[in-house]
């Protein structure tokens, strides 16, 4: 299984890890920082840091490259830098939560995802957009994995997928299921026929969503990996840890080492 760095791990960096703000404020500032005349510099610095942490793959957050706002030159620059740093994009994070999003807008997202080589889109969407997502997914060969956030159990995810396989599936977020008080290991088995991607995330406690280094919270990371092996999951694993009050780089690097060891133990 490929191990990827979630670039949204640096969600709060643009605001110098000032805590207490809503996610949207951090995303907006990150977007402004990257979608500017300094895009090439900012994007290269991002890739340089990810490579230094020991990753060969990443999941690209849309605030770092917005599929609707990035210019063709920015996309070309991103592709060139990804090739230079030999970093594979395993997933991309656009959302189609606005009801009845126009087909041309959704198509632009798929065109950008195709350009950067992303085989999976991972986020949420409004049910009204599912038919177009299915159609374009089939056309571009890119799957959409619904990432569980508000969903309290696997059945709530499955109900959104019904009738749209294989181009709409599940992105299992272990941290969000734990936040909802739901067993992520149980979810592995319930979603096994629809898993297109996995976000490995640990959280400090149920009922809240304070992420932490993998293995330091309540998510049974070792069991999740063992059961992913048991169902013969072949997709990527994104390591996700998005604190608002500090740089998570060291903790993500330790998480990477921890997961590699678990994968070796489960060979």
C-alpha atoms as a PDB file:
ATOM      1  CA  UNK A   1       0.000   0.000   0.000  1.00  0.00           C
ATOM      2  CA  UNK A   2       1.313   3.427  -0.943  1.00  0.00           C
ATOM      3  CA  UNK A   3       1.674   5.893   1.925  1.00  0.00           C
ATOM      4  CA  UNK A   4       0.816   9.498   1.160  1.00  0.00           C
ATOM      5  CA  UNK A   5       1.114  12.853   2.892  1.00  0.00           C
ATOM      6  CA  UNK A   6      -2.082  14.921   3.126  1.00  0.00           C
ATOM      7  CA  UNK A   7      -1.079  18.453   2.154  1.00  0.00           C
ATOM      8  CA  UNK A   8      -3.950  19.794   4.273  1.00  0.00           C
ATOM      9  CA  UNK A   9      -1.808  18.730   7.240  1.00  0.00           C
ATOM     10  CA  UNK A  10      -0.424  22.256   6.809  1.00  0.00           C
ATOM     11  CA  UNK A  11      -3.888  23.823   6.947  1.00  0.00           C
ATOM     12  CA  UNK A  12      -2.933  26.377   9.603  1.00  0.00           C
ATOM     13  CA  UNK A  13       0.547  27.250   8.403  1.00  0.00           C
ATOM     14  CA  UNK A  14      -0.479  30.290   6.347  1.00  0.00           C
ATOM     15  CA  UNK A  15      -1.862  31.848   9.546  1.00  0.00           C
ATOM     16  CA  UNK A  16       1.211  30.868  11.585  1.00  0.00           C
ATOM     17  CA  UNK A  17      -0.699  28.181  13.486  1.00  0.00           C
ATOM     18  CA  UNK A  18      -2.990  30.663  15.160  1.00  0.00           C
ATOM     19  CA  UNK A  19      -5.610  28.465  16.870  1.00  0.00           C
ATOM     20  CA  UNK A  20      -9.276  29.108  17.392  1.00  0.00           C
ATOM     21  CA  UNK A  21     -10.350  29.878  13.831  1.00  0.00           C
ATOM     22  CA  UNK A  22     -12.758  28.008  11.589  1.00  0.00           C
ATOM     23  CA  UNK A  23     -11.384  25.682   8.890  1.00  0.00           C
ATOM     24  CA  UNK A  24     -12.567  28.074   6.173  1.00  0.00           C
ATOM     25  CA  UNK A  25     -10.374  30.904   7.442  1.00  0.00           C
ATOM     26  CA  UNK A  26      -7.257  28.735   7.230  1.00  0.00           C
ATOM     27  CA  UNK A  27      -8.258  27.439   3.805  1.00  0.00           C
ATOM     28  CA  UNK A  28      -8.893  30.926   2.456  1.00  0.00           C
ATOM     29  CA  UNK A  29      -5.513  32.216   3.600  1.00  0.00           C
ATOM     30  CA  UNK A  30      -3.732  29.161   2.186  1.00  0.00           C
ATOM     31  CA  UNK A  31      -5.538  29.661  -1.121  1.00  0.00           C
ATOM     32  CA  UNK A  32      -4.414  33.306  -1.280  1.00  0.00           C
ATOM     33  CA  UNK A  33      -0.829  32.387  -0.492  1.00  0.00           C
ATOM     34  CA  UNK A  34      -0.605  29.752  -3.206  1.00  0.00           C
ATOM     35  CA  UNK A  35      -2.753  31.229  -5.967  1.00  0.00           C
ATOM     36  CA  UNK A  36      -0.486  34.175  -6.559  1.00  0.00           C
ATOM     37  CA  UNK A  37       2.582  35.220  -8.489  1.00  0.00           C
ATOM     38  CA  UNK A  38       4.671  33.136  -6.079  1.00  0.00           C
ATOM     39  CA  UNK A  39       2.850  29.863  -6.839  1.00  0.00           C
ATOM     40  CA  UNK A  40       5.906  28.078  -8.243  1.00  0.00           C
ATOM     41  CA  UNK A  41       7.992  28.939  -5.185  1.00  0.00           C
ATOM     42  CA  UNK A  42       5.274  28.026  -2.664  1.00  0.00           C
ATOM     43  CA  UNK A  43       4.390  24.762  -4.382  1.00  0.00           C
ATOM     44  CA  UNK A  44       8.013  23.708  -4.668  1.00  0.00           C
ATOM     45  CA  UNK A  45       8.631  24.445  -0.984  1.00  0.00           C
ATOM     46  CA  UNK A  46       5.620  22.300  -0.131  1.00  0.00           C
ATOM     47  CA  UNK A  47       6.904  19.366  -2.199  1.00  0.00           C
ATOM     48  CA  UNK A  48      10.440  19.762  -0.860  1.00  0.00           C
ATOM     49  CA  UNK A  49       9.218  19.447   2.730  1.00  0.00           C
ATOM     50  CA  UNK A  50       7.042  16.431   1.959  1.00  0.00           C
ATOM     51  CA  UNK A  51       9.921  14.642   0.264  1.00  0.00           C
ATOM     52  CA  UNK A  52      12.229  15.435   3.202  1.00  0.00           C
ATOM     53  CA  UNK A  53       9.763  13.730   5.542  1.00  0.00           C
ATOM     54  CA  UNK A  54      10.221  10.493   3.621  1.00  0.00           C
ATOM     55  CA  UNK A  55       7.117  10.400   1.416  1.00  0.00           C
ATOM     56  CA  UNK A  56       6.941   9.421  -2.247  1.00  0.00           C
ATOM     57  CA  UNK A  57       3.250  10.235  -2.619  1.00  0.00           C
ATOM     58  CA  UNK A  58       0.780  12.875  -1.511  1.00  0.00           C
ATOM     59  CA  UNK A  59      -2.891  13.752  -1.398  1.00  0.00           C
ATOM     60  CA  UNK A  60      -3.332  17.251  -2.782  1.00  0.00           C
ATOM     61  CA  UNK A  61      -5.609  19.663  -0.934  1.00  0.00           C
ATOM     62  CA  UNK A  62      -7.486  22.046  -3.223  1.00  0.00           C
ATOM     63  CA  UNK A  63      -6.277  25.113  -1.299  1.00  0.00           C
ATOM     64  CA  UNK A  64      -2.808  24.298  -2.642  1.00  0.00           C
ATOM     65  CA  UNK A  65      -4.097  23.910  -6.215  1.00  0.00           C
ATOM     66  CA  UNK A  66      -7.698  24.892  -6.822  1.00  0.00           C
ATOM     67  CA  UNK A  67      -9.067  23.111  -9.924  1.00  0.00           C
ATOM     68  CA  UNK A  68     -11.399  25.993 -10.746  1.00  0.00           C
ATOM     69  CA  UNK A  69      -9.087  28.935  -9.990  1.00  0.00           C
ATOM     70  CA  UNK A  70      -5.648  27.691 -10.970  1.00  0.00           C
ATOM     71  CA  UNK A  71      -4.442  28.927 -14.345  1.00  0.00           C
ATOM     72  CA  UNK A  72      -3.251  26.464 -17.013  1.00  0.00           C
ATOM     73  CA  UNK A  73       0.285  27.706 -16.320  1.00  0.00           C
ATOM     74  CA  UNK A  74      -0.057  26.941 -12.608  1.00  0.00           C
ATOM     75  CA  UNK A  75      -1.291  23.429 -13.370  1.00  0.00           C
ATOM     76  CA  UNK A  76       1.582  22.897 -15.807  1.00  0.00           C
ATOM     77  CA  UNK A  77       4.039  24.153 -13.183  1.00  0.00           C
ATOM     78  CA  UNK A  78       2.561  21.827 -10.553  1.00  0.00           C
ATOM     79  CA  UNK A  79       2.846  18.833 -12.873  1.00  0.00           C
ATOM     80  CA  UNK A  80       6.468  19.665 -13.643  1.00  0.00           C
ATOM     81  CA  UNK A  81       7.384  20.033  -9.976  1.00  0.00           C
ATOM     82  CA  UNK A  82       5.633  16.813  -9.025  1.00  0.00           C
ATOM     83  CA  UNK A  83       7.677  15.028 -11.680  1.00  0.00           C
ATOM     84  CA  UNK A  84      10.903  16.696 -10.544  1.00  0.00           C
ATOM     85  CA  UNK A  85      10.392  15.657  -6.934  1.00  0.00           C
ATOM     86  CA  UNK A  86       9.105  12.217  -7.964  1.00  0.00           C
ATOM     87  CA  UNK A  87       5.951  12.613  -5.893  1.00  0.00           C
ATOM     88  CA  UNK A  88       2.830  10.774  -6.970  1.00  0.00           C
ATOM     89  CA  UNK A  89      -0.616  12.287  -6.409  1.00  0.00           C
ATOM     90  CA  UNK A  90      -2.771   9.451  -5.067  1.00  0.00           C
ATOM     91  CA  UNK A  91      -5.836  11.585  -4.376  1.00  0.00           C
ATOM     92  CA  UNK A  92      -7.268  15.090  -4.807  1.00  0.00           C
ATOM     93  CA  UNK A  93      -9.816  16.784  -2.535  1.00  0.00           C
ATOM     94  CA  UNK A  94     -12.499  18.740  -4.449  1.00  0.00           C
ATOM     95  CA  UNK A  95     -16.013  18.844  -3.022  1.00  0.00           C
ATOM     96  CA  UNK A  96     -19.316  18.977  -4.891  1.00  0.00           C
ATOM     97  CA  UNK A  97     -21.545  19.861  -1.935  1.00  0.00           C
ATOM     98  CA  UNK A  98     -23.442  22.622  -3.760  1.00  0.00           C
ATOM     99  CA  UNK A  99     -26.703  21.164  -5.132  1.00  0.00           C
ATOM    100  CA  UNK A 100     -26.918  20.796  -8.918  1.00  0.00           C
ATOM    101  CA  UNK A 101     -23.373  21.906  -9.625  1.00  0.00           C
ATOM    102  CA  UNK A 102     -22.963  22.559 -13.345  1.00  0.00           C
ATOM    103  CA  UNK A 103     -21.493  19.771 -15.448  1.00  0.00           C
ATOM    104  CA  UNK A 104     -18.832  22.055 -16.944  1.00  0.00           C
ATOM    105  CA  UNK A 105     -17.625  22.994 -13.470  1.00  0.00           C
ATOM    106  CA  UNK A 106     -17.391  19.367 -12.420  1.00  0.00           C
ATOM    107  CA  UNK A 107     -15.684  18.531 -15.707  1.00  0.00           C
ATOM    108  CA  UNK A 108     -13.004  21.147 -15.013  1.00  0.00           C
ATOM    109  CA  UNK A 109     -12.246  19.383 -11.741  1.00  0.00           C
ATOM    110  CA  UNK A 110     -11.819  16.061 -13.522  1.00  0.00           C
ATOM    111  CA  UNK A 111      -9.597  17.657 -16.167  1.00  0.00           C
ATOM    112  CA  UNK A 112      -7.316  19.060 -13.459  1.00  0.00           C
ATOM    113  CA  UNK A 113      -7.266  15.755 -11.594  1.00  0.00           C
ATOM    114  CA  UNK A 114      -6.320  13.970 -14.816  1.00  0.00           C
ATOM    115  CA  UNK A 115      -3.532  16.473 -15.480  1.00  0.00           C
ATOM    116  CA  UNK A 116      -1.910  15.909 -12.076  1.00  0.00           C
ATOM    117  CA  UNK A 117      -2.383  12.142 -12.294  1.00  0.00           C
ATOM    118  CA  UNK A 118      -4.860  11.704  -9.435  1.00  0.00           C
ATOM    119  CA  UNK A 119      -6.802   8.414  -9.737  1.00  0.00           C
ATOM    120  CA  UNK A 120      -9.155   9.296  -6.862  1.00  0.00           C
ATOM    121  CA  UNK A 121     -11.158  12.310  -5.694  1.00  0.00           C
ATOM    122  CA  UNK A 122     -11.875  12.241  -1.955  1.00  0.00           C
ATOM    123  CA  UNK A 123     -14.445  14.471  -0.274  1.00  0.00           C
ATOM    124  CA  UNK A 124     -18.224  14.795  -0.085  1.00  0.00           C
ATOM    125  CA  UNK A 125     -20.977  15.772  -2.499  1.00  0.00           C
ATOM    126  CA  UNK A 126     -24.658  16.578  -2.700  1.00  0.00           C
ATOM    127  CA  UNK A 127     -26.771  13.674  -3.929  1.00  0.00           C
ATOM    128  CA  UNK A 128     -28.001  15.715  -6.894  1.00  0.00           C
ATOM    129  CA  UNK A 129     -24.476  15.686  -8.350  1.00  0.00           C
ATOM    130  CA  UNK A 130     -23.974  11.924  -8.170  1.00  0.00           C
ATOM    131  CA  UNK A 131     -25.137  11.112 -11.744  1.00  0.00           C
ATOM    132  CA  UNK A 132     -22.718  13.624 -13.296  1.00  0.00           C
ATOM    133  CA  UNK A 133     -19.872  12.502 -11.019  1.00  0.00           C
ATOM    134  CA  UNK A 134     -20.533   8.910 -12.078  1.00  0.00           C
ATOM    135  CA  UNK A 135     -20.596   9.846 -15.768  1.00  0.00           C
ATOM    136  CA  UNK A 136     -17.394  11.891 -15.660  1.00  0.00           C
ATOM    137  CA  UNK A 137     -15.651   9.390 -13.429  1.00  0.00           C
ATOM    138  CA  UNK A 138     -16.252   6.723 -16.038  1.00  0.00           C
ATOM    139  CA  UNK A 139     -15.153   9.067 -18.826  1.00  0.00           C
ATOM    140  CA  UNK A 140     -11.887  10.107 -17.133  1.00  0.00           C
ATOM    141  CA  UNK A 141     -11.172   6.859 -15.289  1.00  0.00           C
ATOM    142  CA  UNK A 142     -11.166   8.616 -11.914  1.00  0.00           C
ATOM    143  CA  UNK A 143     -13.091   7.313  -8.895  1.00  0.00           C
ATOM    144  CA  UNK A 144     -14.811   9.484  -6.297  1.00  0.00           C
ATOM    145  CA  UNK A 145     -14.586   8.314  -2.700  1.00  0.00           C
ATOM    146  CA  UNK A 146     -17.113   9.779  -0.262  1.00  0.00           C
ATOM    147  CA  UNK A 147     -15.140  10.756   2.822  1.00  0.00           C
ATOM    148  CA  UNK A 148     -17.133  10.125   5.989  1.00  0.00           C
ATOM    149  CA  UNK A 149     -17.390  13.259   8.120  1.00  0.00           C
ATOM    150  CA  UNK A 150     -20.961  13.745   9.351  1.00  0.00           C
ATOM    151  CA  UNK A 151     -21.831  10.112   8.622  1.00  0.00           C
ATOM    152  CA  UNK A 152     -22.174   8.250  11.919  1.00  0.00           C
ATOM    153  CA  UNK A 153     -21.740   4.757  10.514  1.00  0.00           C
ATOM    154  CA  UNK A 154     -20.828   2.844   7.381  1.00  0.00           C
ATOM    155  CA  UNK A 155     -24.441   2.376   6.331  1.00  0.00           C
ATOM    156  CA  UNK A 156     -24.842   6.132   5.892  1.00  0.00           C
ATOM    157  CA  UNK A 157     -21.933   6.023   3.446  1.00  0.00           C
ATOM    158  CA  UNK A 158     -23.264   2.972   1.617  1.00  0.00           C
ATOM    159  CA  UNK A 159     -26.640   4.611   1.105  1.00  0.00           C
ATOM    160  CA  UNK A 160     -24.953   7.365  -0.929  1.00  0.00           C
ATOM    161  CA  UNK A 161     -22.956   4.915  -3.024  1.00  0.00           C
ATOM    162  CA  UNK A 162     -25.855   2.654  -3.979  1.00  0.00           C
ATOM    163  CA  UNK A 163     -26.344   2.502  -7.726  1.00  0.00           C
ATOM    164  CA  UNK A 164     -23.115   4.353  -8.582  1.00  0.00           C
ATOM    165  CA  UNK A 165     -20.423   1.695  -8.241  1.00  0.00           C
ATOM    166  CA  UNK A 166     -17.656   1.441  -9.254  1.00  0.00           C
ATOM    167  CA  UNK A 167     -17.055   5.133  -9.996  1.00  0.00           C
ATOM    168  CA  UNK A 168     -18.396   6.350  -6.671  1.00  0.00           C
ATOM    169  CA  UNK A 169     -17.108   4.550  -3.600  1.00  0.00           C
ATOM    170  CA  UNK A 170     -15.799   5.208  -0.097  1.00  0.00           C
ATOM    171  CA  UNK A 171     -12.833   7.097   1.299  1.00  0.00           C
ATOM    172  CA  UNK A 172     -12.625   5.700   4.813  1.00  0.00           C
ATOM    173  CA  UNK A 173     -11.528   8.316   7.363  1.00  0.00           C
ATOM    174  CA  UNK A 174     -10.598   6.431  10.535  1.00  0.00           C
ATOM    175  CA  UNK A 175     -10.449   9.572  12.665  1.00  0.00           C
ATOM    176  CA  UNK A 176     -13.909  10.794  11.766  1.00  0.00           C
ATOM    177  CA  UNK A 177     -15.535   7.443  12.490  1.00  0.00           C
ATOM    178  CA  UNK A 178     -13.753   7.397  15.853  1.00  0.00           C
ATOM    179  CA  UNK A 179     -14.982  10.938  16.497  1.00  0.00           C
ATOM    180  CA  UNK A 180     -18.519   9.712  15.804  1.00  0.00           C
ATOM    181  CA  UNK A 181     -17.985   6.839  18.244  1.00  0.00           C
ATOM    182  CA  UNK A 182     -17.982   4.241  15.461  1.00  0.00           C
ATOM    183  CA  UNK A 183     -15.458   1.423  15.167  1.00  0.00           C
ATOM    184  CA  UNK A 184     -13.220   2.054  12.113  1.00  0.00           C
ATOM    185  CA  UNK A 185     -12.229  -1.622  11.994  1.00  0.00           C
ATOM    186  CA  UNK A 186     -15.893  -2.592  11.643  1.00  0.00           C
ATOM    187  CA  UNK A 187     -16.161   0.034   8.900  1.00  0.00           C
ATOM    188  CA  UNK A 188     -13.280  -1.585   6.985  1.00  0.00           C
ATOM    189  CA  UNK A 189     -15.310  -4.772   6.624  1.00  0.00           C
ATOM    190  CA  UNK A 190     -18.618  -3.049   5.938  1.00  0.00           C
ATOM    191  CA  UNK A 191     -17.097  -0.849   3.221  1.00  0.00           C
ATOM    192  CA  UNK A 192     -14.621  -3.382   1.835  1.00  0.00           C
ATOM    193  CA  UNK A 193     -16.335  -3.781  -1.542  1.00  0.00           C
ATOM    194  CA  UNK A 194     -16.406  -0.022  -2.084  1.00  0.00           C
ATOM    195  CA  UNK A 195     -13.117   1.256  -0.641  1.00  0.00           C
ATOM    196  CA  UNK A 196     -11.233   3.453  -3.094  1.00  0.00           C
ATOM    197  CA  UNK A 197      -9.069   5.312  -0.578  1.00  0.00           C
ATOM    198  CA  UNK A 198      -8.220   5.490   3.140  1.00  0.00           C
ATOM    199  CA  UNK A 199      -7.360   8.410   5.404  1.00  0.00           C
ATOM    200  CA  UNK A 200      -5.360   7.169   8.367  1.00  0.00           C
ATOM    201  CA  UNK A 201      -6.129   9.612  11.145  1.00  0.00           C
ATOM    202  CA  UNK A 202      -6.015   9.315  14.923  1.00  0.00           C
ATOM    203  CA  UNK A 203      -7.963  11.497  17.363  1.00  0.00           C
ATOM    204  CA  UNK A 204      -7.566  12.168  21.053  1.00  0.00           C
ATOM    205  CA  UNK A 205     -11.132  11.337  22.072  1.00  0.00           C
ATOM    206  CA  UNK A 206     -14.582  10.450  20.763  1.00  0.00           C
ATOM    207  CA  UNK A 207     -16.998  13.327  20.439  1.00  0.00           C
ATOM    208  CA  UNK A 208     -14.242  15.738  19.417  1.00  0.00           C
ATOM    209  CA  UNK A 209     -11.981  15.951  16.393  1.00  0.00           C
ATOM    210  CA  UNK A 210      -8.526  16.783  17.717  1.00  0.00           C
ATOM    211  CA  UNK A 211      -6.123  14.840  15.529  1.00  0.00           C
ATOM    212  CA  UNK A 212      -2.855  13.488  16.851  1.00  0.00           C
ATOM    213  CA  UNK A 213       0.140  11.356  15.910  1.00  0.00           C
ATOM    214  CA  UNK A 214      -0.941   7.901  14.738  1.00  0.00           C
ATOM    215  CA  UNK A 215      -0.958   5.472  17.643  1.00  0.00           C
ATOM    216  CA  UNK A 216      -1.295   8.166  20.291  1.00  0.00           C
ATOM    217  CA  UNK A 217      -5.099   8.449  20.301  1.00  0.00           C
ATOM    218  CA  UNK A 218      -8.131   6.190  20.374  1.00  0.00           C
ATOM    219  CA  UNK A 219      -8.019   4.808  16.825  1.00  0.00           C
ATOM    220  CA  UNK A 220      -6.672   1.218  16.718  1.00  0.00           C
ATOM    221  CA  UNK A 221      -4.300   1.948  13.847  1.00  0.00           C
ATOM    222  CA  UNK A 222      -2.559  -1.447  14.003  1.00  0.00           C
ATOM    223  CA  UNK A 223      -5.910  -3.252  13.820  1.00  0.00           C
ATOM    224  CA  UNK A 224      -7.093  -1.053  10.943  1.00  0.00           C
ATOM    225  CA  UNK A 225      -3.989  -1.906   8.926  1.00  0.00           C
ATOM    226  CA  UNK A 226      -4.223  -5.600   9.796  1.00  0.00           C
ATOM    227  CA  UNK A 227      -7.823  -5.746   8.602  1.00  0.00           C
ATOM    228  CA  UNK A 228      -7.082  -3.743   5.451  1.00  0.00           C
ATOM    229  CA  UNK A 229      -4.522  -6.415   4.676  1.00  0.00           C
ATOM    230  CA  UNK A 230      -7.105  -9.104   5.413  1.00  0.00           C
ATOM    231  CA  UNK A 231      -9.565  -7.692   2.858  1.00  0.00           C
ATOM    232  CA  UNK A 232      -6.702  -7.326   0.330  1.00  0.00           C
ATOM    233  CA  UNK A 233      -7.062  -3.560   0.064  1.00  0.00           C
ATOM    234  CA  UNK A 234      -4.721  -2.342  -2.678  1.00  0.00           C
ATOM    235  CA  UNK A 235      -5.298   1.412  -2.590  1.00  0.00           C
ATOM    236  CA  UNK A 236      -3.288   4.166  -0.957  1.00  0.00           C
ATOM    237  CA  UNK A 237      -3.174   5.249   2.679  1.00  0.00           C
ATOM    238  CA  UNK A 238      -3.033   8.984   3.355  1.00  0.00           C
ATOM    239  CA  UNK A 239      -1.551   9.989   6.699  1.00  0.00           C
ATOM    240  CA  UNK A 240      -3.645  12.872   7.970  1.00  0.00           C
ATOM    241  CA  UNK A 241      -2.975  15.075  11.012  1.00  0.00           C
ATOM    242  CA  UNK A 242      -4.185  18.685  10.856  1.00  0.00           C
ATOM    243  CA  UNK A 243      -3.561  20.567  14.111  1.00  0.00           C
ATOM    244  CA  UNK A 244      -4.330  24.265  14.165  1.00  0.00           C
ATOM    245  CA  UNK A 245      -1.799  25.236  16.836  1.00  0.00           C
ATOM    246  CA  UNK A 246       1.521  23.716  15.718  1.00  0.00           C
ATOM    247  CA  UNK A 247       3.495  22.361  12.779  1.00  0.00           C
ATOM    248  CA  UNK A 248       2.685  18.629  12.557  1.00  0.00           C
ATOM    249  CA  UNK A 249       5.742  17.655  10.486  1.00  0.00           C
ATOM    250  CA  UNK A 250       7.605  15.722  13.194  1.00  0.00           C
ATOM    251  CA  UNK A 251       4.456  13.891  14.276  1.00  0.00           C
ATOM    252  CA  UNK A 252       3.575  12.995  10.697  1.00  0.00           C
ATOM    253  CA  UNK A 253       7.095  11.685  10.105  1.00  0.00           C
ATOM    254  CA  UNK A 254       6.799   9.507  13.230  1.00  0.00           C
ATOM    255  CA  UNK A 255       3.399   8.347  11.985  1.00  0.00           C
ATOM    256  CA  UNK A 256       4.945   7.353   8.659  1.00  0.00           C
ATOM    257  CA  UNK A 257       7.616   5.294  10.412  1.00  0.00           C
ATOM    258  CA  UNK A 258       4.971   3.697  12.623  1.00  0.00           C
ATOM    259  CA  UNK A 259       2.755   2.709   9.679  1.00  0.00           C
ATOM    260  CA  UNK A 260       5.682   1.326   7.696  1.00  0.00           C
ATOM    261  CA  UNK A 261       6.564  -0.870  10.656  1.00  0.00           C
ATOM    262  CA  UNK A 262       2.975  -2.072  10.977  1.00  0.00           C
ATOM    263  CA  UNK A 263       2.843  -2.903   7.276  1.00  0.00           C
ATOM    264  CA  UNK A 264       6.067  -4.880   7.572  1.00  0.00           C
ATOM    265  CA  UNK A 265       4.729  -6.693  10.647  1.00  0.00           C
ATOM    266  CA  UNK A 266       1.625  -7.670   8.719  1.00  0.00           C
ATOM    267  CA  UNK A 267       3.342  -9.012   5.603  1.00  0.00           C
END
